[in-house]
Protein backbone atom coordinates (compact mmCIF):
# COMPACT_ATOMS: atom_id res chain seq x y z
CA MET A 1 -11.20 -40.55 4.08
CA THR A 2 -12.60 -36.95 3.96
CA LYS A 3 -14.65 -35.73 1.13
CA SER A 4 -12.61 -33.08 -1.05
CA SER A 5 -13.95 -29.65 -0.89
CA ARG A 6 -15.13 -28.07 -4.17
CA PRO A 7 -13.15 -25.10 -5.54
CA THR A 8 -14.80 -21.65 -5.05
CA LYS A 9 -14.50 -18.95 -7.61
CA GLY A 10 -12.14 -16.34 -6.37
CA ARG A 11 -12.22 -12.57 -6.65
CA ASP A 12 -10.33 -10.58 -9.47
CA ASN A 13 -7.35 -10.20 -6.97
CA VAL A 14 -5.48 -13.09 -5.37
CA PHE A 15 -4.54 -10.77 -2.49
CA GLU A 16 -8.03 -10.16 -1.74
CA ASP A 17 -8.65 -13.70 -1.63
CA LEU A 18 -5.90 -14.26 0.86
CA GLY A 19 -7.64 -11.76 3.22
CA PHE A 20 -5.22 -8.82 3.06
CA SER A 21 -6.63 -5.43 3.92
CA PRO A 22 -7.77 -3.01 1.12
CA GLU A 23 -4.61 -0.91 1.64
CA GLU A 24 -2.21 -3.91 1.61
CA VAL A 25 -4.08 -5.16 -1.53
CA ARG A 26 -3.36 -2.11 -3.49
CA ILE A 27 0.33 -1.97 -2.39
CA LEU A 28 0.97 -5.81 -3.14
CA THR A 29 -0.89 -5.44 -6.47
CA LEU A 30 1.30 -2.56 -7.43
CA LYS A 31 4.39 -4.28 -6.50
CA ALA A 32 3.54 -7.41 -8.51
CA GLN A 33 2.57 -5.45 -11.54
CA LEU A 34 5.86 -3.30 -11.38
CA ALA A 35 7.82 -6.43 -10.85
CA ALA A 36 6.31 -8.18 -13.78
CA PHE A 37 6.97 -5.18 -15.98
CA ILE A 38 10.51 -5.14 -14.75
CA VAL A 39 10.91 -8.91 -15.82
CA ARG A 40 9.47 -8.03 -19.23
CA VAL A 41 11.84 -5.15 -19.76
CA VAL A 42 14.77 -7.09 -18.57
CA ASN A 43 14.04 -10.11 -20.87
CA LYS A 44 13.45 -7.92 -23.76
CA ARG A 45 16.84 -6.29 -23.19
CA GLY A 46 18.61 -9.53 -22.41
CA LEU A 47 20.28 -8.30 -19.22
CA SER A 48 21.83 -10.62 -16.83
CA GLN A 49 21.31 -10.54 -13.00
CA GLN A 50 24.89 -9.27 -12.51
CA GLN A 51 24.50 -6.52 -14.90
CA LEU A 52 21.22 -5.59 -13.05
CA GLY A 53 22.95 -5.71 -9.69
CA LYS A 54 25.51 -3.23 -10.99
CA MET A 55 22.88 -1.09 -12.66
CA TRP A 56 20.51 -1.00 -9.66
CA GLY A 57 23.23 -0.90 -6.86
CA VAL A 58 21.93 -4.02 -5.13
CA PRO A 59 23.41 -7.51 -4.45
CA GLN A 60 22.65 -10.28 -6.94
CA PRO A 61 20.36 -12.10 -4.64
CA ARG A 62 18.06 -9.29 -4.31
CA VAL A 63 17.93 -8.97 -8.00
CA SER A 64 16.97 -12.76 -8.02
CA GLU A 65 14.21 -11.94 -5.49
CA ILE A 66 12.78 -9.29 -7.85
CA MET A 67 13.09 -11.31 -10.84
CA SER A 68 11.34 -14.36 -9.24
CA GLY A 69 8.50 -12.19 -7.58
CA LYS A 70 9.74 -12.61 -4.09
CA LEU A 71 8.67 -9.03 -3.19
CA ARG A 72 8.43 -9.14 0.70
CA LEU A 73 11.79 -7.31 1.27
CA VAL A 74 11.50 -5.17 -1.71
CA SER A 75 9.79 -1.64 -1.48
CA LEU A 76 7.58 0.09 -4.11
CA GLU A 77 10.26 2.73 -4.14
CA ARG A 78 13.02 0.21 -4.92
CA LEU A 79 11.02 -1.25 -7.84
CA ILE A 80 10.24 2.20 -9.29
CA ALA A 81 14.07 3.15 -8.93
CA CYS A 82 15.02 -0.10 -10.65
CA LEU A 83 12.84 0.92 -13.57
CA GLY A 84 14.22 4.50 -13.57
CA GLU A 85 17.75 3.14 -13.51
CA MET A 86 16.96 1.19 -16.81
CA GLY A 87 15.65 4.50 -18.20
CA VAL A 88 11.97 3.55 -17.90
CA GLU A 89 9.71 6.52 -16.97
CA VAL A 90 7.07 5.55 -14.44
CA SER A 91 3.91 7.39 -13.97
CA PHE A 92 0.72 6.59 -12.11
CA HIS A 93 -2.92 7.16 -12.84
CA ARG A 94 -5.13 6.19 -9.98
CA LYS A 95 -8.30 4.85 -11.82
CA ALA A 96 -6.57 3.73 -15.01
CA MET A 97 -3.73 1.99 -13.34
CA ALA A 98 -4.79 -1.63 -14.04
CA ALA A 99 -5.68 -0.75 -17.63
CA THR A 100 -2.47 1.20 -18.21
CA THR A 101 -0.26 -1.78 -16.80
CA LYS A 102 -1.97 -4.07 -19.15
CA LYS A 103 -1.21 -1.86 -22.15
CA LEU A 104 2.32 -1.50 -21.14
CA ALA A 105 2.72 -5.24 -20.85
CA GLY A 106 1.32 -5.70 -24.36
């Protein structure tokens, strides 16, 4: 039987811990933040996946992927468009992005 390894403290970003490049980390982090915000807006408005599919012009399985955080096949542009189609204005501020996202999530 092997001795179990001790957990190590990760960095502040799981994508960094997984070994992604700095550029990939920025993109993946932004996609995750946008998707989490979309989920909060959708839940607050009580929209169904069928309603979202019609609103966003995408098939329901793609809506399901976005809502469950499976974003490999979903672009940043698509996530931003989804928010726009729900009437949410999106703006970015390079240095304050993480803090702003946390405030919006409130």
